[in-house]
PDB file of all heavy atoms in Angstrom:
ATOM      1  N   LEU A   1      -3.691  26.241  -9.594  1.00  0.00           N
ATOM      2  CA  LEU A   1      -3.636  24.808  -9.392  1.00  0.00           C
ATOM      3  C   LEU A   1      -3.272  24.235 -10.702  1.00  0.00           C
ATOM      4  O   LEU A   1      -4.167  24.346 -11.653  1.00  0.00           O
ATOM      5  CB  LEU A   1      -4.835  24.210  -8.654  1.00  0.00           C
ATOM      6  CG  LEU A   1      -5.249  24.814  -7.336  1.00  0.00           C
ATOM      7  CD1 LEU A   1      -6.400  24.050  -6.810  1.00  0.00           C
ATOM      8  CD2 LEU A   1      -4.052  24.801  -6.408  1.00  0.00           C
ATOM      9  N   ARG A   2      -2.236  23.466 -10.840  1.00  0.00           N
ATOM     10  CA  ARG A   2      -1.812  22.860 -12.162  1.00  0.00           C
ATOM     11  C   ARG A   2      -1.740  21.410 -12.016  1.00  0.00           C
ATOM     12  O   ARG A   2      -0.609  20.877 -11.843  1.00  0.00           O
ATOM     13  CB  ARG A   2      -0.621  23.535 -12.716  1.00  0.00           C
ATOM     14  CG  ARG A   2      -0.797  24.948 -13.010  1.00  0.00           C
ATOM     15  CD  ARG A   2       0.343  25.567 -13.765  1.00  0.00           C
ATOM     16  NE  ARG A   2       0.087  26.909 -14.090  1.00  0.00           N
ATOM     17  CZ  ARG A   2       1.050  27.798 -14.419  1.00  0.00           C
ATOM     18  NH1 ARG A   2       2.245  27.409 -14.435  1.00  0.00           N
ATOM     19  NH2 ARG A   2       0.744  29.059 -14.625  1.00  0.00           N
ATOM     20  N   PRO A   3      -2.837  20.636 -12.086  1.00  0.00           N
ATOM     21  CA  PRO A   3      -2.709  19.209 -11.990  1.00  0.00           C
ATOM     22  C   PRO A   3      -2.110  18.656 -13.217  1.00  0.00           C
ATOM     23  O   PRO A   3      -2.256  19.181 -14.231  1.00  0.00           O
ATOM     24  CB  PRO A   3      -4.189  18.812 -11.925  1.00  0.00           C
ATOM     25  CG  PRO A   3      -4.992  19.974 -12.379  1.00  0.00           C
ATOM     26  CD  PRO A   3      -4.191  21.152 -12.187  1.00  0.00           C
ATOM     27  N   GLU A   4      -1.300  17.608 -12.961  1.00  0.00           N
ATOM     28  CA  GLU A   4      -0.637  16.832 -14.133  1.00  0.00           C
ATOM     29  C   GLU A   4      -1.706  15.893 -14.731  1.00  0.00           C
ATOM     30  O   GLU A   4      -2.574  16.344 -15.527  1.00  0.00           O
ATOM     31  CB  GLU A   4       0.598  16.150 -13.659  1.00  0.00           C
ATOM     32  CG  GLU A   4       1.580  17.200 -13.072  1.00  0.00           C
ATOM     33  CD  GLU A   4       2.238  18.096 -14.131  1.00  0.00           C
ATOM     34  OE1 GLU A   4       2.656  17.620 -15.141  1.00  0.00           O
ATOM     35  OE2 GLU A   4       2.400  19.276 -13.739  1.00  0.00           O
ATOM     36  N   SER A   5      -1.640  14.673 -14.444  1.00  0.00           N
ATOM     37  CA  SER A   5      -2.533  13.637 -14.999  1.00  0.00           C
ATOM     38  C   SER A   5      -3.483  13.119 -13.957  1.00  0.00           C
ATOM     39  O   SER A   5      -3.003  12.694 -12.906  1.00  0.00           O
ATOM     40  CB  SER A   5      -1.728  12.478 -15.568  1.00  0.00           C
ATOM     41  OG  SER A   5      -0.930  12.928 -16.649  1.00  0.00           O
ATOM     42  N   TYR A   6      -4.749  13.231 -14.275  1.00  0.00           N
ATOM     43  CA  TYR A   6      -5.774  12.838 -13.269  1.00  0.00           C
ATOM     44  C   TYR A   6      -5.854  11.224 -13.199  1.00  0.00           C
ATOM     45  O   TYR A   6      -6.032  10.644 -14.250  1.00  0.00           O
ATOM     46  CB  TYR A   6      -7.163  13.277 -13.649  1.00  0.00           C
ATOM     47  CG  TYR A   6      -7.322  14.800 -13.581  1.00  0.00           C
ATOM     48  CD1 TYR A   6      -7.568  15.582 -14.685  1.00  0.00           C
ATOM     49  CD2 TYR A   6      -7.182  15.493 -12.364  1.00  0.00           C
ATOM     50  CE1 TYR A   6      -7.685  16.866 -14.594  1.00  0.00           C
ATOM     51  CE2 TYR A   6      -7.384  16.837 -12.249  1.00  0.00           C
ATOM     52  CZ  TYR A   6      -7.626  17.534 -13.411  1.00  0.00           C
ATOM     53  OH  TYR A   6      -7.715  18.915 -13.400  1.00  0.00           O
ATOM     54  N   MET A   7      -5.834  10.735 -12.048  1.00  0.00           N
ATOM     55  CA  MET A   7      -5.980   9.277 -11.840  1.00  0.00           C
ATOM     56  C   MET A   7      -7.292   8.749 -12.455  1.00  0.00           C
ATOM     57  O   MET A   7      -7.458   7.636 -12.951  1.00  0.00           O
ATOM     58  CB  MET A   7      -5.835   8.931 -10.357  1.00  0.00           C
ATOM     59  CG  MET A   7      -4.509   9.067  -9.792  1.00  0.00           C
ATOM     60  SD  MET A   7      -4.454   8.592  -8.037  1.00  0.00           S
ATOM     61  CE  MET A   7      -2.750   9.077  -7.645  1.00  0.00           C
ATOM     62  N   GLN A   8      -8.377   9.619 -12.352  1.00  0.00           N
ATOM     63  CA  GLN A   8      -9.650   9.193 -12.872  1.00  0.00           C
ATOM     64  C   GLN A   8      -9.618   8.947 -14.374  1.00  0.00           C
ATOM     65  O   GLN A   8     -10.443   8.138 -14.895  1.00  0.00           O
ATOM     66  CB  GLN A   8     -10.686  10.290 -12.559  1.00  0.00           C
ATOM     67  CG  GLN A   8     -11.161  10.246 -11.126  1.00  0.00           C
ATOM     68  CD  GLN A   8     -10.151  10.761 -10.046  1.00  0.00           C
ATOM     69  OE1 GLN A   8      -9.145  11.262 -10.355  1.00  0.00           O
ATOM     70  NE2 GLN A   8     -10.426  10.495  -8.785  1.00  0.00           N
ATOM     71  N   ASN A   9      -8.610   9.524 -15.119  1.00  0.00           N
ATOM     72  CA  ASN A   9      -8.562   9.267 -16.556  1.00  0.00           C
ATOM     73  C   ASN A   9      -8.089   7.881 -16.808  1.00  0.00           C
ATOM     74  O   ASN A   9      -8.178   7.441 -17.950  1.00  0.00           O
ATOM     75  CB  ASN A   9      -7.529  10.217 -17.176  1.00  0.00           C
ATOM     76  CG  ASN A   9      -8.248  11.611 -17.303  1.00  0.00           C
ATOM     77  OD1 ASN A   9      -9.422  11.810 -17.174  1.00  0.00           O
ATOM     78  ND2 ASN A   9      -7.475  12.669 -17.548  1.00  0.00           N
ATOM     79  N   ILE A  10      -7.537   7.070 -15.772  1.00  0.00           N
ATOM     80  CA  ILE A  10      -7.147   5.680 -16.055  1.00  0.00           C
ATOM     81  C   ILE A  10      -8.465   4.971 -16.305  1.00  0.00           C
ATOM     82  O   ILE A  10      -8.425   3.966 -17.036  1.00  0.00           O
ATOM     83  CB  ILE A  10      -6.487   5.184 -14.791  1.00  0.00           C
ATOM     84  CG1 ILE A  10      -5.101   5.807 -14.553  1.00  0.00           C
ATOM     85  CG2 ILE A  10      -6.396   3.722 -14.796  1.00  0.00           C
ATOM     86  CD1 ILE A  10      -4.494   5.672 -13.203  1.00  0.00           C
ATOM     87  N   LEU A  11      -9.578   5.397 -15.682  1.00  0.00           N
ATOM     88  CA  LEU A  11     -10.837   4.627 -15.910  1.00  0.00           C
ATOM     89  C   LEU A  11     -11.471   4.904 -17.223  1.00  0.00           C
ATOM     90  O   LEU A  11     -12.198   4.160 -17.729  1.00  0.00           O
ATOM     91  CB  LEU A  11     -11.820   4.954 -14.731  1.00  0.00           C
ATOM     92  CG  LEU A  11     -11.327   4.750 -13.323  1.00  0.00           C
ATOM     93  CD1 LEU A  11     -12.297   5.270 -12.307  1.00  0.00           C
ATOM     94  CD2 LEU A  11     -10.872   3.302 -13.079  1.00  0.00           C
ATOM     95  N   GLY A  12     -11.312   6.175 -17.692  1.00  0.00           N
ATOM     96  CA  GLY A  12     -11.837   6.634 -18.940  1.00  0.00           C
ATOM     97  C   GLY A  12     -11.824   8.053 -19.086  1.00  0.00           C
ATOM     98  O   GLY A  12     -11.607   8.858 -18.102  1.00  0.00           O
ATOM     99  N   TYR A  13     -12.045   8.594 -20.289  1.00  0.00           N
ATOM    100  CA  TYR A  13     -11.954  10.066 -20.577  1.00  0.00           C
ATOM    101  C   TYR A  13     -13.087  10.410 -21.481  1.00  0.00           C
ATOM    102  O   TYR A  13     -13.335   9.836 -22.538  1.00  0.00           O
ATOM    103  CB  TYR A  13     -10.659  10.289 -21.225  1.00  0.00           C
ATOM    104  CG  TYR A  13     -10.378  11.769 -21.371  1.00  0.00           C
ATOM    105  CD1 TYR A  13     -10.002  12.556 -20.360  1.00  0.00           C
ATOM    106  CD2 TYR A  13     -10.491  12.294 -22.630  1.00  0.00           C
ATOM    107  CE1 TYR A  13      -9.745  14.002 -20.519  1.00  0.00           C
ATOM    108  CE2 TYR A  13     -10.338  13.758 -22.818  1.00  0.00           C
ATOM    109  CZ  TYR A  13     -10.015  14.496 -21.718  1.00  0.00           C
ATOM    110  OH  TYR A  13      -9.749  15.842 -21.919  1.00  0.00           O
ATOM    111  N   GLN A  14     -13.834  11.417 -21.098  1.00  0.00           N
ATOM    112  CA  GLN A  14     -14.916  11.994 -21.840  1.00  0.00           C
ATOM    113  C   GLN A  14     -15.895  10.873 -22.241  1.00  0.00           C
ATOM    114  O   GLN A  14     -16.412  10.940 -23.355  1.00  0.00           O
ATOM    115  CB  GLN A  14     -14.424  12.693 -23.088  1.00  0.00           C
ATOM    116  CG  GLN A  14     -13.616  13.977 -22.852  1.00  0.00           C
ATOM    117  CD  GLN A  14     -14.528  15.015 -22.302  1.00  0.00           C
ATOM    118  OE1 GLN A  14     -15.680  15.143 -22.583  1.00  0.00           O
ATOM    119  NE2 GLN A  14     -13.892  15.934 -21.419  1.00  0.00           N
ATOM    120  N   GLY A  15     -16.190  10.051 -21.341  1.00  0.00           N
ATOM    121  CA  GLY A  15     -17.210   9.021 -21.535  1.00  0.00           C
ATOM    122  C   GLY A  15     -16.665   7.761 -22.290  1.00  0.00           C
ATOM    123  O   GLY A  15     -17.508   6.807 -22.404  1.00  0.00           O
ATOM    124  N   ASP A  16     -15.537   7.745 -22.681  1.00  0.00           N
ATOM    125  CA  ASP A  16     -15.003   6.445 -23.285  1.00  0.00           C
ATOM    126  C   ASP A  16     -14.700   5.470 -22.054  1.00  0.00           C
ATOM    127  O   ASP A  16     -14.789   5.935 -20.895  1.00  0.00           O
ATOM    128  CB  ASP A  16     -13.892   6.658 -24.240  1.00  0.00           C
ATOM    129  CG  ASP A  16     -12.675   7.219 -23.586  1.00  0.00           C
ATOM    130  OD1 ASP A  16     -12.688   7.602 -22.362  1.00  0.00           O
ATOM    131  OD2 ASP A  16     -11.599   7.327 -24.227  1.00  0.00           O
ATOM    132  N   ASN A  17     -14.192   4.323 -22.357  1.00  0.00           N
ATOM    133  CA  ASN A  17     -13.916   3.320 -21.314  1.00  0.00           C
ATOM    134  C   ASN A  17     -12.561   2.792 -21.585  1.00  0.00           C
ATOM    135  O   ASN A  17     -12.362   2.108 -22.617  1.00  0.00           O
ATOM    136  CB  ASN A  17     -14.889   2.263 -21.378  1.00  0.00           C
ATOM    137  CG  ASN A  17     -14.684   1.193 -20.181  1.00  0.00           C
ATOM    138  OD1 ASN A  17     -13.710   1.289 -19.535  1.00  0.00           O
ATOM    139  ND2 ASN A  17     -15.503   0.217 -20.191  1.00  0.00           N
ATOM    140  N   ASN A  18     -11.529   3.238 -20.813  1.00  0.00           N
ATOM    141  CA  ASN A  18     -10.125   2.704 -20.971  1.00  0.00           C
ATOM    142  C   ASN A  18     -10.031   1.270 -20.558  1.00  0.00           C
ATOM    143  O   ASN A  18      -9.043   0.633 -20.867  1.00  0.00           O
ATOM    144  CB  ASN A  18      -9.276   3.556 -20.125  1.00  0.00           C
ATOM    145  CG  ASN A  18      -8.999   4.880 -20.694  1.00  0.00           C
ATOM    146  OD1 ASN A  18      -9.480   5.231 -21.753  1.00  0.00           O
ATOM    147  ND2 ASN A  18      -8.331   5.735 -19.983  1.00  0.00           N
ATOM    148  N   LEU A  19     -11.022   0.753 -19.844  1.00  0.00           N
ATOM    149  CA  LEU A  19     -10.821  -0.568 -19.190  1.00  0.00           C
ATOM    150  C   LEU A  19     -11.783  -1.475 -19.758  1.00  0.00           C
ATOM    151  O   LEU A  19     -13.052  -1.514 -19.554  1.00  0.00           O
ATOM    152  CB  LEU A  19     -11.133  -0.570 -17.763  1.00  0.00           C
ATOM    153  CG  LEU A  19     -10.250   0.468 -16.985  1.00  0.00           C
ATOM    154  CD1 LEU A  19     -10.871   0.589 -15.576  1.00  0.00           C
ATOM    155  CD2 LEU A  19      -8.868   0.043 -16.902  1.00  0.00           C
ATOM    156  N   ASN A  20     -11.334  -2.348 -20.850  1.00  0.00           N
ATOM    157  CA  ASN A  20     -12.250  -3.210 -21.518  1.00  0.00           C
ATOM    158  C   ASN A  20     -11.467  -4.560 -21.663  1.00  0.00           C
ATOM    159  O   ASN A  20     -10.467  -4.723 -22.188  1.00  0.00           O
ATOM    160  CB  ASN A  20     -12.515  -2.655 -22.939  1.00  0.00           C
ATOM    161  CG  ASN A  20     -13.651  -3.468 -23.638  1.00  0.00           C
ATOM    162  OD1 ASN A  20     -14.255  -4.387 -23.055  1.00  0.00           O
ATOM    163  ND2 ASN A  20     -13.842  -3.138 -24.920  1.00  0.00           N
ATOM    164  N   LYS A  21     -12.079  -5.602 -21.117  1.00  0.00           N
ATOM    165  CA  LYS A  21     -11.605  -6.958 -21.163  1.00  0.00           C
ATOM    166  C   LYS A  21     -10.120  -7.051 -20.581  1.00  0.00           C
ATOM    167  O   LYS A  21      -9.230  -7.526 -21.253  1.00  0.00           O
ATOM    168  CB  LYS A  21     -11.584  -7.485 -22.516  1.00  0.00           C
ATOM    169  CG  LYS A  21     -13.016  -7.645 -23.051  1.00  0.00           C
ATOM    170  CD  LYS A  21     -13.073  -8.219 -24.444  1.00  0.00           C
ATOM    171  CE  LYS A  21     -14.509  -8.169 -24.937  1.00  0.00           C
ATOM    172  NZ  LYS A  21     -14.655  -8.583 -26.279  1.00  0.00           N
ATOM    173  N   ASN A  22      -9.942  -6.271 -19.425  1.00  0.00           N
ATOM    174  CA  ASN A  22      -8.621  -6.350 -18.784  1.00  0.00           C
ATOM    175  C   ASN A  22      -7.508  -5.681 -19.580  1.00  0.00           C
ATOM    176  O   ASN A  22      -6.272  -6.085 -19.468  1.00  0.00           O
ATOM    177  CB  ASN A  22      -8.243  -7.681 -18.283  1.00  0.00           C
ATOM    178  CG  ASN A  22      -9.213  -8.224 -17.231  1.00  0.00           C
ATOM    179  OD1 ASN A  22     -10.341  -7.863 -17.103  1.00  0.00           O
ATOM    180  ND2 ASN A  22      -8.795  -9.247 -16.491  1.00  0.00           N
ATOM    181  N   ILE A  23      -7.879  -4.775 -20.394  1.00  0.00           N
ATOM    182  CA  ILE A  23      -6.934  -4.022 -21.222  1.00  0.00           C
ATOM    183  C   ILE A  23      -7.026  -2.519 -20.818  1.00  0.00           C
ATOM    184  O   ILE A  23      -8.107  -2.021 -20.819  1.00  0.00           O
ATOM    185  CB  ILE A  23      -7.149  -4.187 -22.721  1.00  0.00           C
ATOM    186  CG1 ILE A  23      -6.889  -5.710 -23.084  1.00  0.00           C
ATOM    187  CG2 ILE A  23      -6.179  -3.296 -23.491  1.00  0.00           C
ATOM    188  CD1 ILE A  23      -7.269  -5.930 -24.523  1.00  0.00           C
ATOM    189  N   LEU A  24      -5.917  -1.999 -20.410  1.00  0.00           N
ATOM    190  CA  LEU A  24      -5.809  -0.519 -20.065  1.00  0.00           C
ATOM    191  C   LEU A  24      -5.354   0.148 -21.308  1.00  0.00           C
ATOM    192  O   LEU A  24      -4.197  -0.108 -21.849  1.00  0.00           O
ATOM    193  CB  LEU A  24      -4.849  -0.333 -18.874  1.00  0.00           C
ATOM    194  CG  LEU A  24      -4.619   1.065 -18.447  1.00  0.00           C
ATOM    195  CD1 LEU A  24      -5.865   1.695 -18.002  1.00  0.00           C
ATOM    196  CD2 LEU A  24      -3.589   1.132 -17.310  1.00  0.00           C
ATOM    197  N   ARG A  25      -6.071   1.053 -21.835  1.00  0.00           N
ATOM    198  CA  ARG A  25      -5.771   1.832 -22.975  1.00  0.00           C
ATOM    199  C   ARG A  25      -5.507   3.296 -22.732  1.00  0.00           C
ATOM    200  O   ARG A  25      -6.008   3.875 -21.830  1.00  0.00           O
ATOM    201  CB  ARG A  25      -6.971   1.756 -23.993  1.00  0.00           C
ATOM    202  CG  ARG A  25      -7.338   0.339 -24.369  1.00  0.00           C
ATOM    203  CD  ARG A  25      -8.649   0.316 -25.289  1.00  0.00           C
ATOM    204  NE  ARG A  25      -8.856   1.472 -25.958  1.00  0.00           N
ATOM    205  CZ  ARG A  25      -9.913   2.328 -25.952  1.00  0.00           C
ATOM    206  NH1 ARG A  25     -10.772   2.027 -25.048  1.00  0.00           N
ATOM    207  NH2 ARG A  25     -10.080   3.306 -26.702  1.00  0.00           N
ATOM    208  N   SER A  26      -4.603   3.840 -23.552  1.00  0.00           N
ATOM    209  CA  SER A  26      -4.334   5.225 -23.567  1.00  0.00           C
ATOM    210  C   SER A  26      -3.782   5.750 -24.797  1.00  0.00           C
ATOM    211  O   SER A  26      -3.326   4.852 -25.685  1.00  0.00           O
ATOM    212  CB  SER A  26      -3.406   5.687 -22.329  1.00  0.00           C
ATOM    213  OG  SER A  26      -2.118   5.719 -22.713  1.00  0.00           O
ATOM    214  N   TYR A  27      -3.688   7.018 -25.056  1.00  0.00           N
ATOM    215  CA  TYR A  27      -3.087   7.620 -26.219  1.00  0.00           C
ATOM    216  C   TYR A  27      -1.721   8.254 -25.960  1.00  0.00           C
ATOM    217  O   TYR A  27      -1.227   9.000 -26.798  1.00  0.00           O
ATOM    218  CB  TYR A  27      -4.076   8.618 -26.821  1.00  0.00           C
ATOM    219  CG  TYR A  27      -5.420   8.195 -27.060  1.00  0.00           C
ATOM    220  CD1 TYR A  27      -6.461   8.320 -26.176  1.00  0.00           C
ATOM    221  CD2 TYR A  27      -5.791   7.310 -28.163  1.00  0.00           C
ATOM    222  CE1 TYR A  27      -7.708   7.858 -26.360  1.00  0.00           C
ATOM    223  CE2 TYR A  27      -7.016   6.801 -28.380  1.00  0.00           C
ATOM    224  CZ  TYR A  27      -7.978   7.106 -27.444  1.00  0.00           C
ATOM    225  OH  TYR A  27      -9.293   6.575 -27.608  1.00  0.00           O
ATOM    226  N   PHE A  28      -1.155   7.829 -24.837  1.00  0.00           N
ATOM    227  CA  PHE A  28       0.129   8.422 -24.417  1.00  0.00           C
ATOM    228  C   PHE A  28       1.307   7.648 -24.718  1.00  0.00           C
ATOM    229  O   PHE A  28       2.428   8.067 -24.416  1.00  0.00           O
ATOM    230  CB  PHE A  28       0.173   8.798 -22.881  1.00  0.00           C
ATOM    231  CG  PHE A  28      -0.603   9.984 -22.498  1.00  0.00           C
ATOM    232  CD1 PHE A  28      -1.826   9.883 -21.824  1.00  0.00           C
ATOM    233  CD2 PHE A  28       0.015  11.110 -22.637  1.00  0.00           C
ATOM    234  CE1 PHE A  28      -2.440  11.007 -21.428  1.00  0.00           C
ATOM    235  CE2 PHE A  28      -0.610  12.340 -22.220  1.00  0.00           C
ATOM    236  CZ  PHE A  28      -1.875  12.311 -21.677  1.00  0.00           C
ATOM    237  N   GLY A  29       1.141   6.493 -25.379  1.00  0.00           N
ATOM    238  CA  GLY A  29       2.288   5.717 -25.674  1.00  0.00           C
ATOM    239  C   GLY A  29       2.980   5.242 -24.463  1.00  0.00           C
ATOM    240  O   GLY A  29       2.279   4.769 -23.480  1.00  0.00           O
ATOM    241  N   ASP A  30       4.296   5.400 -24.481  1.00  0.00           N
ATOM    242  CA  ASP A  30       5.172   4.925 -23.251  1.00  0.00           C
ATOM    243  C   ASP A  30       5.461   6.071 -22.290  1.00  0.00           C
ATOM    244  O   ASP A  30       6.347   5.886 -21.448  1.00  0.00           O
ATOM    245  CB  ASP A  30       6.374   4.291 -23.818  1.00  0.00           C
ATOM    246  CG  ASP A  30       6.116   3.003 -24.591  1.00  0.00           C
ATOM    247  OD1 ASP A  30       5.189   2.273 -24.249  1.00  0.00           O
ATOM    248  OD2 ASP A  30       6.873   2.759 -25.527  1.00  0.00           O
ATOM    249  N   ALA A  31       4.812   7.183 -22.399  1.00  0.00           N
ATOM    250  CA  ALA A  31       5.158   8.372 -21.586  1.00  0.00           C
ATOM    251  C   ALA A  31       5.038   8.077 -20.088  1.00  0.00           C
ATOM    252  O   ALA A  31       4.004   7.412 -19.714  1.00  0.00           O
ATOM    253  CB  ALA A  31       4.278   9.567 -21.985  1.00  0.00           C
ATOM    254  N   ILE A  32       5.835   8.556 -19.291  1.00  0.00           N
ATOM    255  CA  ILE A  32       5.768   8.522 -17.850  1.00  0.00           C
ATOM    256  C   ILE A  32       5.118   9.742 -17.408  1.00  0.00           C
ATOM    257  O   ILE A  32       5.466  10.936 -17.753  1.00  0.00           O
ATOM    258  CB  ILE A  32       7.100   8.297 -17.204  1.00  0.00           C
ATOM    259  CG1 ILE A  32       7.717   7.005 -17.622  1.00  0.00           C
ATOM    260  CG2 ILE A  32       6.933   8.462 -15.631  1.00  0.00           C
ATOM    261  CD1 ILE A  32       9.168   6.825 -17.145  1.00  0.00           C
ATOM    262  N   LEU A  33       3.945   9.646 -16.728  1.00  0.00           N
ATOM    263  CA  LEU A  33       3.073  10.843 -16.343  1.00  0.00           C
ATOM    264  C   LEU A  33       3.064  10.952 -14.829  1.00  0.00           C
ATOM    265  O   LEU A  33       3.407   9.996 -14.045  1.00  0.00           O
ATOM    266  CB  LEU A  33       1.665  10.596 -16.843  1.00  0.00           C
ATOM    267  CG  LEU A  33       1.536  10.442 -18.308  1.00  0.00           C
ATOM    268  CD1 LEU A  33       0.106  10.062 -18.692  1.00  0.00           C
ATOM    269  CD2 LEU A  33       2.038  11.595 -19.078  1.00  0.00           C
ATOM    270  N   SER A  34       2.835  12.103 -14.358  1.00  0.00           N
ATOM    271  CA  SER A  34       2.714  12.412 -12.927  1.00  0.00           C
ATOM    272  C   SER A  34       1.263  12.463 -12.553  1.00  0.00           C
ATOM    273  O   SER A  34       0.499  13.169 -13.190  1.00  0.00           O
ATOM    274  CB  SER A  34       3.385  13.772 -12.673  1.00  0.00           C
ATOM    275  OG  SER A  34       3.375  14.093 -11.309  1.00  0.00           O
ATOM    276  N   TRP A  35       0.808  11.660 -11.619  1.00  0.00           N
ATOM    277  CA  TRP A  35      -0.569  11.419 -11.239  1.00  0.00           C
ATOM    278  C   TRP A  35      -1.022  12.116 -10.035  1.00  0.00           C
ATOM    279  O   TRP A  35      -0.370  12.087  -9.024  1.00  0.00           O
ATOM    280  CB  TRP A  35      -0.807   9.865 -11.186  1.00  0.00           C
ATOM    281  CG  TRP A  35      -0.493   9.158 -12.451  1.00  0.00           C
ATOM    282  CD1 TRP A  35       0.738   8.613 -12.925  1.00  0.00           C
ATOM    283  CD2 TRP A  35      -1.329   9.018 -13.570  1.00  0.00           C
ATOM    284  NE1 TRP A  35       0.604   8.130 -14.145  1.00  0.00           N
ATOM    285  CE2 TRP A  35      -0.601   8.374 -14.626  1.00  0.00           C
ATOM    286  CE3 TRP A  35      -2.698   9.367 -13.732  1.00  0.00           C
ATOM    287  CZ2 TRP A  35      -1.216   8.016 -15.818  1.00  0.00           C
ATOM    288  CZ3 TRP A  35      -3.235   9.131 -15.015  1.00  0.00           C
ATOM    289  CH2 TRP A  35      -2.514   8.402 -16.017  1.00  0.00           C
ATOM    290  N   VAL A  36      -2.309  12.566 -10.107  1.00  0.00           N
ATOM    291  CA  VAL A  36      -3.009  13.160  -8.949  1.00  0.00           C
ATOM    292  C   VAL A  36      -4.409  12.719  -8.982  1.00  0.00           C
ATOM    293  O   VAL A  36      -5.064  12.680 -10.102  1.00  0.00           O
ATOM    294  CB  VAL A  36      -2.862  14.747  -8.965  1.00  0.00           C
ATOM    295  CG1 VAL A  36      -3.421  15.322 -10.206  1.00  0.00           C
ATOM    296  CG2 VAL A  36      -3.485  15.184  -7.616  1.00  0.00           C
ATOM    297  N   ASP A  37      -4.991  12.459  -7.839  1.00  0.00           N
ATOM    298  CA  ASP A  37      -6.420  11.992  -7.656  1.00  0.00           C
ATOM    299  C   ASP A  37      -7.231  13.384  -7.723  1.00  0.00           C
ATOM    300  O   ASP A  37      -6.766  14.416  -7.039  1.00  0.00           O
ATOM    301  CB  ASP A  37      -6.600  11.357  -6.389  1.00  0.00           C
ATOM    302  CG  ASP A  37      -8.040  10.758  -6.235  1.00  0.00           C
ATOM    303  OD1 ASP A  37      -8.988  11.420  -6.596  1.00  0.00           O
ATOM    304  OD2 ASP A  37      -8.146   9.621  -5.811  1.00  0.00           O
TER     305      ASP A  37
END
């Protein structure tokens, strides 16, 4: 099973918080990713 990008990582990764003050953060720049829950 080879998942691409987990939807749960939208919320945070390894205990960090991607969602702070209505800002969604990531380290992927402008990359288009394929998502799976």
